Every structure is written in C-alpha cells, then in structure tokens.
Amino acid sequence: MKTLRIYIENSVIGGYFDDEFKEPTQALFNLLRDGQYIAVISSHTFDELDNGAPDRVVENLKTIEYEAHIISDEMLRLTEKSRKNHIRKLS
C-alpha cells in the first residue's frame, strides 16, 4: 500500500514552534517521522524558507522525510489559465 503524501507549506512548518498551532503540528511531524505519511513540499515553500525563516524551523524540517516538487513557469501559466477559465478539478 502506498504511503499517503501530504502537502505542507510554511504555515505548517513554522507552526511547529507556534504556541497556537504547535500541538497539532508536532503530532503531524511525529506521524511524518514515523513514516505514516510523506510530506510534499513545493519549491515556492523552499524559496520562502530561504528568505528569512528562523534557523530552528529550517533545521526541524530536516527531521522528516519529504518530496520536493519544483514549480515550473509552465505550471504557473497553466494555473493562471485555469483560474481565468474557471477550470477546477472535481474531487
């Protein structure tokens, strides 16, 4: 059975140390560390982390397994085109 992947971004990553969000975020990180889920992180999130995230946030990210996904210019163009044409994926 494939391991479920969960997209996380900076509010989740930084929430680990935030008093308001640390309990659920730390629980999620424990599940990620235990291999129950794999985090998916976009290149945009990494760019934001590189532009001023506290060291402890960056270091904590190294404690989990994740897949890095590069967001290309073509993806951005297609996203904008979809938004303009009101195209949405049905789930």
PDB file of N, CA and C in Angstrom:
ATOM      1  N   MET A   1       0.838  -1.177   0.000  1.00  0.00           N
ATOM      2  CA  MET A   1       0.000   0.000   0.000  1.00  0.00           C
ATOM      3  C   MET A   1       0.888   1.248   0.000  1.00  0.00           C
ATOM      4  N   LYS A   2       0.542   2.200  -0.859  1.00  0.00           N
ATOM      5  CA  LYS A   2       1.329   3.424  -0.954  1.00  0.00           C
ATOM      6  C   LYS A   2       1.142   4.286   0.284  1.00  0.00           C
ATOM      7  N   THR A   3       2.209   4.961   0.649  1.00  0.00           N
ATOM      8  CA  THR A   3       2.154   5.889   1.773  1.00  0.00           C
ATOM      9  C   THR A   3       1.489   7.179   1.312  1.00  0.00           C
ATOM     10  N   LEU A   4       0.545   7.646   2.090  1.00  0.00           N
ATOM     11  CA  LEU A   4      -0.167   8.877   1.775  1.00  0.00           C
ATOM     12  C   LEU A   4       0.786  10.060   1.844  1.00  0.00           C
ATOM     13  N   ARG A   5       0.688  10.932   0.858  1.00  0.00           N
ATOM     14  CA  ARG A   5       1.500  12.140   0.817  1.00  0.00           C
ATOM     15  C   ARG A   5       0.639  13.331   1.209  1.00  0.00           C
ATOM     16  N   ILE A   6       1.249  14.227   1.985  1.00  0.00           N
ATOM     17  CA  ILE A   6       0.537  15.403   2.486  1.00  0.00           C
ATOM     18  C   ILE A   6       1.332  16.638   2.103  1.00  0.00           C
ATOM     19  N   TYR A   7       0.669  17.560   1.389  1.00  0.00           N
ATOM     20  CA  TYR A   7       1.327  18.817   1.033  1.00  0.00           C
ATOM     21  C   TYR A   7       1.384  19.707   2.269  1.00  0.00           C
ATOM     22  N   ILE A   8       2.581  20.171   2.588  1.00  0.00           N
ATOM     23  CA  ILE A   8       2.729  21.127   3.682  1.00  0.00           C
ATOM     24  C   ILE A   8       3.446  22.364   3.170  1.00  0.00           C
ATOM     25  N   GLU A   9       3.105  23.490   3.763  1.00  0.00           N
ATOM     26  CA  GLU A   9       3.759  24.735   3.387  1.00  0.00           C
ATOM     27  C   GLU A   9       4.210  25.450   4.656  1.00  0.00           C
ATOM     28  N   ASN A  10       4.675  26.670   4.519  1.00  0.00           N
ATOM     29  CA  ASN A  10       5.363  27.341   5.623  1.00  0.00           C
ATOM     30  C   ASN A  10       4.535  27.559   6.871  1.00  0.00           C
ATOM     31  N   SER A  11       3.237  27.763   6.747  1.00  0.00           N
ATOM     32  CA  SER A  11       2.451  27.958   7.967  1.00  0.00           C
ATOM     33  C   SER A  11       2.417  26.670   8.792  1.00  0.00           C
ATOM     34  N   VAL A  12       2.469  25.524   8.125  1.00  0.00           N
ATOM     35  CA  VAL A  12       2.522  24.251   8.843  1.00  0.00           C
ATOM     36  C   VAL A  12       3.917  24.030   9.408  1.00  0.00           C
ATOM     37  N   ILE A  13       4.927  24.265   8.590  1.00  0.00           N
ATOM     38  CA  ILE A  13       6.305  24.043   9.022  1.00  0.00           C
ATOM     39  C   ILE A  13       6.637  24.950  10.202  1.00  0.00           C
ATOM     40  N   GLY A  14       6.290  26.225  10.101  1.00  0.00           N
ATOM     41  CA  GLY A  14       6.560  27.167  11.184  1.00  0.00           C
ATOM     42  C   GLY A  14       5.646  26.973  12.387  1.00  0.00           C
ATOM     43  N   GLY A  15       4.468  26.371  12.158  1.00  0.00           N
ATOM     44  CA  GLY A  15       3.525  26.144  13.240  1.00  0.00           C
ATOM     45  C   GLY A  15       4.047  25.216  14.320  1.00  0.00           C
ATOM     46  N   TYR A  16       5.091  24.478  14.008  1.00  0.00           N
ATOM     47  CA  TYR A  16       5.698  23.562  14.976  1.00  0.00           C
ATOM     48  C   TYR A  16       6.114  24.299  16.248  1.00  0.00           C
ATOM     49  N   PHE A  17       6.522  25.552  16.097  1.00  0.00           N
ATOM     50  CA  PHE A  17       7.022  26.330  17.230  1.00  0.00           C
ATOM     51  C   PHE A  17       6.048  27.411  17.692  1.00  0.00           C
ATOM     52  N   ASP A  18       4.884  27.476  17.095  1.00  0.00           N
ATOM     53  CA  ASP A  18       3.890  28.498  17.415  1.00  0.00           C
ATOM     54  C   ASP A  18       2.968  27.978  18.517  1.00  0.00           C
ATOM     55  N   ASP A  19       2.818  28.748  19.595  1.00  0.00           N
ATOM     56  CA  ASP A  19       2.006  28.292  20.722  1.00  0.00           C
ATOM     57  C   ASP A  19       0.601  27.883  20.307  1.00  0.00           C
ATOM     58  N   GLU A  20       0.019  28.597  19.373  1.00  0.00           N
ATOM     59  CA  GLU A  20      -1.355  28.314  18.966  1.00  0.00           C
ATOM     60  C   GLU A  20      -1.489  27.016  18.167  1.00  0.00           C
ATOM     61  N   PHE A  21      -0.463  26.672  17.404  1.00  0.00           N
ATOM     62  CA  PHE A  21      -0.568  25.532  16.480  1.00  0.00           C
ATOM     63  C   PHE A  21       0.387  24.385  16.777  1.00  0.00           C
ATOM     64  N   LYS A  22       1.231  24.515  17.790  1.00  0.00           N
ATOM     65  CA  LYS A  22       2.286  23.521  17.959  1.00  0.00           C
ATOM     66  C   LYS A  22       1.781  22.121  18.291  1.00  0.00           C
ATOM     67  N   GLU A  23       0.703  21.997  19.038  1.00  0.00           N
ATOM     68  CA  GLU A  23       0.237  20.654  19.404  1.00  0.00           C
ATOM     69  C   GLU A  23      -0.147  19.831  18.168  1.00  0.00           C
ATOM     70  N   PRO A  24      -1.046  20.322  17.297  1.00  0.00           N
ATOM     71  CA  PRO A  24      -1.373  19.501  16.117  1.00  0.00           C
ATOM     72  C   PRO A  24      -0.206  19.390  15.136  1.00  0.00           C
ATOM     73  N   THR A  25       0.597  20.445  15.038  1.00  0.00           N
ATOM     74  CA  THR A  25       1.724  20.395  14.103  1.00  0.00           C
ATOM     75  C   THR A  25       2.774  19.405  14.568  1.00  0.00           C
ATOM     76  N   GLN A  26       3.060  19.383  15.849  1.00  0.00           N
ATOM     77  CA  GLN A  26       4.033  18.424  16.364  1.00  0.00           C
ATOM     78  C   GLN A  26       3.509  16.998  16.223  1.00  0.00           C
ATOM     79  N   ALA A  27       2.198  16.808  16.384  1.00  0.00           N
ATOM     80  CA  ALA A  27       1.612  15.481  16.173  1.00  0.00           C
ATOM     81  C   ALA A  27       1.783  15.049  14.711  1.00  0.00           C
ATOM     82  N   LEU A  28       1.556  15.986  13.770  1.00  0.00           N
ATOM     83  CA  LEU A  28       1.750  15.687  12.354  1.00  0.00           C
ATOM     84  C   LEU A  28       3.210  15.334  12.078  1.00  0.00           C
ATOM     85  N   PHE A  29       4.136  16.116  12.608  1.00  0.00           N
ATOM     86  CA  PHE A  29       5.557  15.837  12.390  1.00  0.00           C
ATOM     87  C   PHE A  29       5.934  14.464  12.943  1.00  0.00           C
ATOM     88  N   ASN A  30       5.351  14.084  14.075  1.00  0.00           N
ATOM     89  CA  ASN A  30       5.626  12.745  14.619  1.00  0.00           C
ATOM     90  C   ASN A  30       5.133  11.658  13.670  1.00  0.00           C
ATOM     91  N   LEU A  31       3.968  11.864  13.079  1.00  0.00           N
ATOM     92  CA  LEU A  31       3.458  10.900  12.090  1.00  0.00           C
ATOM     93  C   LEU A  31       4.372  10.850  10.859  1.00  0.00           C
ATOM     94  N   LEU A  32       4.881  12.009  10.441  1.00  0.00           N
ATOM     95  CA  LEU A  32       5.810  12.057   9.314  1.00  0.00           C
ATOM     96  C   LEU A  32       7.105  11.342   9.668  1.00  0.00           C
ATOM     97  N   ARG A  33       7.620  11.581  10.865  1.00  0.00           N
ATOM     98  CA  ARG A  33       8.863  10.925  11.301  1.00  0.00           C
ATOM     99  C   ARG A  33       8.693   9.413  11.404  1.00  0.00           C
ATOM    100  N   ASP A  34       7.502   8.986  11.805  1.00  0.00           N
ATOM    101  CA  ASP A  34       7.223   7.552  11.928  1.00  0.00           C
ATOM    102  C   ASP A  34       6.973   6.885  10.583  1.00  0.00           C
ATOM    103  N   GLY A  35       6.929   7.685   9.512  1.00  0.00           N
ATOM    104  CA  GLY A  35       6.743   7.136   8.178  1.00  0.00           C
ATOM    105  C   GLY A  35       5.301   6.835   7.819  1.00  0.00           C
ATOM    106  N   GLN A  36       4.358   7.300   8.637  1.00  0.00           N
ATOM    107  CA  GLN A  36       2.959   7.054   8.318  1.00  0.00           C
ATOM    108  C   GLN A  36       2.499   7.905   7.136  1.00  0.00           C
ATOM    109  N   TYR A  37       3.153   9.028   6.936  1.00  0.00           N
ATOM    110  CA  TYR A  37       2.876   9.922   5.815  1.00  0.00           C
ATOM    111  C   TYR A  37       4.205  10.434   5.278  1.00  0.00           C
ATOM    112  N   ILE A  38       4.184  10.932   4.060  1.00  0.00           N
ATOM    113  CA  ILE A  38       5.347  11.599   3.479  1.00  0.00           C
ATOM    114  C   ILE A  38       4.923  13.021   3.132  1.00  0.00           C
ATOM    115  N   ALA A  39       5.724  13.974   3.559  1.00  0.00           N
ATOM    116  CA  ALA A  39       5.434  15.373   3.255  1.00  0.00           C
ATOM    117  C   ALA A  39       5.812  15.681   1.809  1.00  0.00           C
ATOM    118  N   VAL A  40       5.034  16.547   1.194  1.00  0.00           N
ATOM    119  CA  VAL A  40       5.320  17.064  -0.141  1.00  0.00           C
ATOM    120  C   VAL A  40       5.482  18.568   0.026  1.00  0.00           C
ATOM    121  N   ILE A  41       6.604  19.087  -0.456  1.00  0.00           N
ATOM    122  CA  ILE A  41       6.919  20.500  -0.274  1.00  0.00           C
ATOM    123  C   ILE A  41       7.316  21.092  -1.620  1.00  0.00           C
ATOM    124  N   SER A  42       6.725  22.238  -1.952  1.00  0.00           N
ATOM    125  CA  SER A  42       6.997  22.860  -3.251  1.00  0.00           C
ATOM    126  C   SER A  42       8.246  23.738  -3.203  1.00  0.00           C
ATOM    127  N   SER A  43       8.752  24.019  -4.383  1.00  0.00           N
ATOM    128  CA  SER A  43       9.915  24.903  -4.484  1.00  0.00           C
ATOM    129  C   SER A  43       9.592  26.301  -3.961  1.00  0.00           C
ATOM    130  N   HIS A  44       8.340  26.719  -4.066  1.00  0.00           N
ATOM    131  CA  HIS A  44       7.954  28.029  -3.528  1.00  0.00           C
ATOM    132  C   HIS A  44       8.112  28.061  -2.016  1.00  0.00           C
ATOM    133  N   THR A  45       7.764  26.973  -1.371  1.00  0.00           N
ATOM    134  CA  THR A  45       7.922  26.892   0.080  1.00  0.00           C
ATOM    135  C   THR A  45       9.393  26.963   0.448  1.00  0.00           C
ATOM    136  N   PHE A  46      10.244  26.252  -0.286  1.00  0.00           N
ATOM    137  CA  PHE A  46      11.683  26.316  -0.010  1.00  0.00           C
ATOM    138  C   PHE A  46      12.225  27.726  -0.230  1.00  0.00           C
ATOM    139  N   ASP A  47      11.741  28.402  -1.274  1.00  0.00           N
ATOM    140  CA  ASP A  47      12.170  29.785  -1.507  1.00  0.00           C
ATOM    141  C   ASP A  47      11.817  30.668  -0.316  1.00  0.00           C
ATOM    142  N   GLU A  48      10.611  30.501   0.215  1.00  0.00           N
ATOM    143  CA  GLU A  48      10.204  31.287   1.376  1.00  0.00           C
ATOM    144  C   GLU A  48      11.058  30.956   2.597  1.00  0.00           C
ATOM    145  N   LEU A  49      11.363  29.682   2.786  1.00  0.00           N
ATOM    146  CA  LEU A  49      12.221  29.286   3.906  1.00  0.00           C
ATOM    147  C   LEU A  49      13.605  29.902   3.784  1.00  0.00           C
ATOM    148  N   ASP A  50      14.111  29.966   2.560  1.00  0.00           N
ATOM    149  CA  ASP A  50      15.441  30.533   2.318  1.00  0.00           C
ATOM    150  C   ASP A  50      15.490  32.045   2.519  1.00  0.00           C
ATOM    151  N   ASN A  51      14.323  32.674   2.556  1.00  0.00           N
ATOM    152  CA  ASN A  51      14.266  34.133   2.685  1.00  0.00           C
ATOM    153  C   ASN A  51      13.842  34.572   4.075  1.00  0.00           C
ATOM    154  N   GLY A  52      14.474  34.011   5.094  1.00  0.00           N
ATOM    155  CA  GLY A  52      14.282  34.546   6.425  1.00  0.00           C
ATOM    156  C   GLY A  52      13.606  33.663   7.448  1.00  0.00           C
ATOM    157  N   ALA A  53      13.398  32.393   7.162  1.00  0.00           N
ATOM    158  CA  ALA A  53      12.826  31.521   8.188  1.00  0.00           C
ATOM    159  C   ALA A  53      13.842  31.339   9.312  1.00  0.00           C
ATOM    160  N   PRO A  54      13.366  31.285  10.541  1.00  0.00           N
ATOM    161  CA  PRO A  54      14.294  31.047  11.662  1.00  0.00           C
ATOM    162  C   PRO A  54      15.044  29.725  11.482  1.00  0.00           C
ATOM    163  N   ASP A  55      16.268  29.699  11.956  1.00  0.00           N
ATOM    164  CA  ASP A  55      17.108  28.502  11.819  1.00  0.00           C
ATOM    165  C   ASP A  55      16.434  27.260  12.385  1.00  0.00           C
ATOM    166  N   ARG A  56      15.747  27.398  13.516  1.00  0.00           N
ATOM    167  CA  ARG A  56      15.137  26.219  14.135  1.00  0.00           C
ATOM    168  C   ARG A  56      14.031  25.626  13.255  1.00  0.00           C
ATOM    169  N   VAL A  57      13.367  26.472  12.490  1.00  0.00           N
ATOM    170  CA  VAL A  57      12.333  25.983  11.564  1.00  0.00           C
ATOM    171  C   VAL A  57      12.984  25.189  10.430  1.00  0.00           C
ATOM    172  N   VAL A  58      14.058  25.741   9.868  1.00  0.00           N
ATOM    173  CA  VAL A  58      14.778  25.068   8.779  1.00  0.00           C
ATOM    174  C   VAL A  58      15.388  23.759   9.274  1.00  0.00           C
ATOM    175  N   GLU A  59      15.985  23.775  10.439  1.00  0.00           N
ATOM    176  CA  GLU A  59      16.604  22.569  10.996  1.00  0.00           C
ATOM    177  C   GLU A  59      15.563  21.498  11.299  1.00  0.00           C
ATOM    178  N   ASN A  60      14.409  21.905  11.799  1.00  0.00           N
ATOM    179  CA  ASN A  60      13.357  20.939  12.119  1.00  0.00           C
ATOM    180  C   ASN A  60      12.851  20.230  10.872  1.00  0.00           C
ATOM    181  N   LEU A  61      12.844  20.922   9.760  1.00  0.00           N
ATOM    182  CA  LEU A  61      12.403  20.310   8.503  1.00  0.00           C
ATOM    183  C   LEU A  61      13.301  19.138   8.118  1.00  0.00           C
ATOM    184  N   LYS A  62      14.549  19.187   8.543  1.00  0.00           N
ATOM    185  CA  LYS A  62      15.497  18.111   8.231  1.00  0.00           C
ATOM    186  C   LYS A  62      15.193  16.820   8.986  1.00  0.00           C
ATOM    187  N   THR A  63      14.246  16.878   9.927  1.00  0.00           N
ATOM    188  CA  THR A  63      13.937  15.692  10.733  1.00  0.00           C
ATOM    189  C   THR A  63      12.844  14.818  10.126  1.00  0.00           C
ATOM    190  N   ILE A  64      12.302  15.243   8.981  1.00  0.00           N
ATOM    191  CA  ILE A  64      11.239  14.465   8.352  1.00  0.00           C
ATOM    192  C   ILE A  64      11.621  14.090   6.919  1.00  0.00           C
ATOM    193  N   GLU A  65      11.004  13.037   6.436  1.00  0.00           N
ATOM    194  CA  GLU A  65      11.162  12.656   5.031  1.00  0.00           C
ATOM    195  C   GLU A  65      10.179  13.485   4.214  1.00  0.00           C
ATOM    196  N   TYR A  66      10.631  14.003   3.088  1.00  0.00           N
ATOM    197  CA  TYR A  66       9.729  14.765   2.229  1.00  0.00           C
ATOM    198  C   TYR A  66      10.146  14.633   0.776  1.00  0.00           C
ATOM    199  N   GLU A  67       9.186  14.929  -0.078  1.00  0.00           N
ATOM    200  CA  GLU A  67       9.446  15.004  -1.511  1.00  0.00           C
ATOM    201  C   GLU A  67       9.405  16.470  -1.897  1.00  0.00           C
ATOM    202  N   ALA A  68      10.422  16.901  -2.604  1.00  0.00           N
ATOM    203  CA  ALA A  68      10.468  18.282  -3.087  1.00  0.00           C
ATOM    204  C   ALA A  68       9.905  18.321  -4.505  1.00  0.00           C
ATOM    205  N   HIS A  69       8.996  19.243  -4.740  1.00  0.00           N
ATOM    206  CA  HIS A  69       8.387  19.392  -6.059  1.00  0.00           C
ATOM    207  C   HIS A  69       8.700  20.779  -6.606  1.00  0.00           C
ATOM    208  N   ILE A  70       9.284  20.793  -7.778  1.00  0.00           N
ATOM    209  CA  ILE A  70       9.655  22.037  -8.433  1.00  0.00           C
ATOM    210  C   ILE A  70       8.442  22.593  -9.169  1.00  0.00           C
ATOM    211  N   ILE A  71       8.133  23.844  -8.914  1.00  0.00           N
ATOM    212  CA  ILE A  71       7.048  24.530  -9.617  1.00  0.00           C
ATOM    213  C   ILE A  71       7.683  25.265 -10.796  1.00  0.00           C
ATOM    214  N   SER A  72       7.308  24.856 -11.990  1.00  0.00           N
ATOM    215  CA  SER A  72       7.897  25.449 -13.193  1.00  0.00           C
ATOM    216  C   SER A  72       7.067  26.638 -13.673  1.00  0.00           C
ATOM    217  N   ASP A  73       7.657  27.422 -14.555  1.00  0.00           N
ATOM    218  CA  ASP A  73       6.930  28.543 -15.159  1.00  0.00           C
ATOM    219  C   ASP A  73       5.710  28.046 -15.929  1.00  0.00           C
ATOM    220  N   GLU A  74       5.846  26.896 -16.579  1.00  0.00           N
ATOM    221  CA  GLU A  74       4.712  26.342 -17.318  1.00  0.00           C
ATOM    222  C   GLU A  74       3.564  25.998 -16.368  1.00  0.00           C
ATOM    223  N   MET A  75       3.877  25.443 -15.225  1.00  0.00           N
ATOM    224  CA  MET A  75       2.833  25.143 -14.239  1.00  0.00           C
ATOM    225  C   MET A  75       2.115  26.414 -13.799  1.00  0.00           C
ATOM    226  N   LEU A  76       2.874  27.466 -13.583  1.00  0.00           N
ATOM    227  CA  LEU A  76       2.269  28.734 -13.167  1.00  0.00           C
ATOM    228  C   LEU A  76       1.366  29.289 -14.259  1.00  0.00           C
ATOM    229  N   ARG A  77       1.806  29.207 -15.515  1.00  0.00           N
ATOM    230  CA  ARG A  77       0.983  29.683 -16.627  1.00  0.00           C
ATOM    231  C   ARG A  77      -0.317  28.882 -16.735  1.00  0.00           C
ATOM    232  N   LEU A  78      -0.214  27.562 -16.607  1.00  0.00           N
ATOM    233  CA  LEU A  78      -1.402  26.713 -16.681  1.00  0.00           C
ATOM    234  C   LEU A  78      -2.359  26.983 -15.514  1.00  0.00           C
ATOM    235  N   THR A  79      -1.803  27.230 -14.352  1.00  0.00           N
ATOM    236  CA  THR A  79      -2.640  27.554 -13.194  1.00  0.00           C
ATOM    237  C   THR A  79      -3.402  28.840 -13.438  1.00  0.00           C
ATOM    238  N   GLU A  80      -2.709  29.846 -13.933  1.00  0.00           N
ATOM    239  CA  GLU A  80      -3.366  31.131 -14.201  1.00  0.00           C
ATOM    240  C   GLU A  80      -4.430  30.975 -15.286  1.00  0.00           C
ATOM    241  N   LYS A  81      -4.126  30.222 -16.324  1.00  0.00           N
ATOM    242  CA  LYS A  81      -5.099  29.992 -17.392  1.00  0.00           C
ATOM    243  C   LYS A  81      -6.332  29.271 -16.842  1.00  0.00           C
ATOM    244  N   SER A  82      -6.111  28.281 -15.993  1.00  0.00           N
ATOM    245  CA  SER A  82      -7.230  27.553 -15.390  1.00  0.00           C
ATOM    246  C   SER A  82      -8.091  28.464 -14.532  1.00  0.00           C
ATOM    247  N   ARG A  83      -7.457  29.322 -13.771  1.00  0.00           N
ATOM    248  CA  ARG A  83      -8.214  30.253 -12.926  1.00  0.00           C
ATOM    249  C   ARG A  83      -9.041  31.212 -13.773  1.00  0.00           C
ATOM    250  N   LYS A  84      -8.451  31.711 -14.835  1.00  0.00           N
ATOM    251  CA  LYS A  84      -9.164  32.643 -15.698  1.00  0.00           C
ATOM    252  C   LYS A  84     -10.370  31.981 -16.352  1.00  0.00           C
ATOM    253  N   ASN A  85     -10.230  30.701 -16.665  1.00  0.00           N
ATOM    254  CA  ASN A  85     -11.316  29.974 -17.340  1.00  0.00           C
ATOM    255  C   ASN A  85     -12.195  29.204 -16.355  1.00  0.00           C
ATOM    256  N   HIS A  86     -11.973  29.428 -15.083  1.00  0.00           N
ATOM    257  CA  HIS A  86     -12.753  28.774 -14.032  1.00  0.00           C
ATOM    258  C   HIS A  86     -12.735  27.263 -14.126  1.00  0.00           C
ATOM    259  N   ILE A  87     -11.576  26.738 -14.479  1.00  0.00           N
ATOM    260  CA  ILE A  87     -11.409  25.289 -14.564  1.00  0.00           C
ATOM    261  C   ILE A  87     -10.922  24.814 -13.196  1.00  0.00           C
ATOM    262  N   ARG A  88     -11.663  23.867 -12.655  1.00  0.00           N
ATOM    263  CA  ARG A  88     -11.283  23.312 -11.345  1.00  0.00           C
ATOM    264  C   ARG A  88     -11.413  21.813 -11.400  1.00  0.00           C
ATOM    265  N   LYS A  89     -10.532  21.156 -10.693  1.00  0.00           N
ATOM    266  CA  LYS A  89     -10.596  19.697 -10.609  1.00  0.00           C
ATOM    267  C   LYS A  89     -11.761  19.320  -9.694  1.00  0.00           C
ATOM    268  N   LEU A  90     -12.560  18.390 -10.139  1.00  0.00           N
ATOM    269  CA  LEU A  90     -13.651  17.873  -9.308  1.00  0.00           C
ATOM    270  C   LEU A  90     -13.134  16.700  -8.506  1.00  0.00           C
ATOM    271  N   SER A  91     -13.462  16.666  -7.223  1.00  0.00           N
ATOM    272  CA  SER A  91     -12.998  15.540  -6.409  1.00  0.00           C
ATOM    273  C   SER A  91     -14.141  14.673  -5.964  1.00  0.00           C
TER     274      SER A  91
END
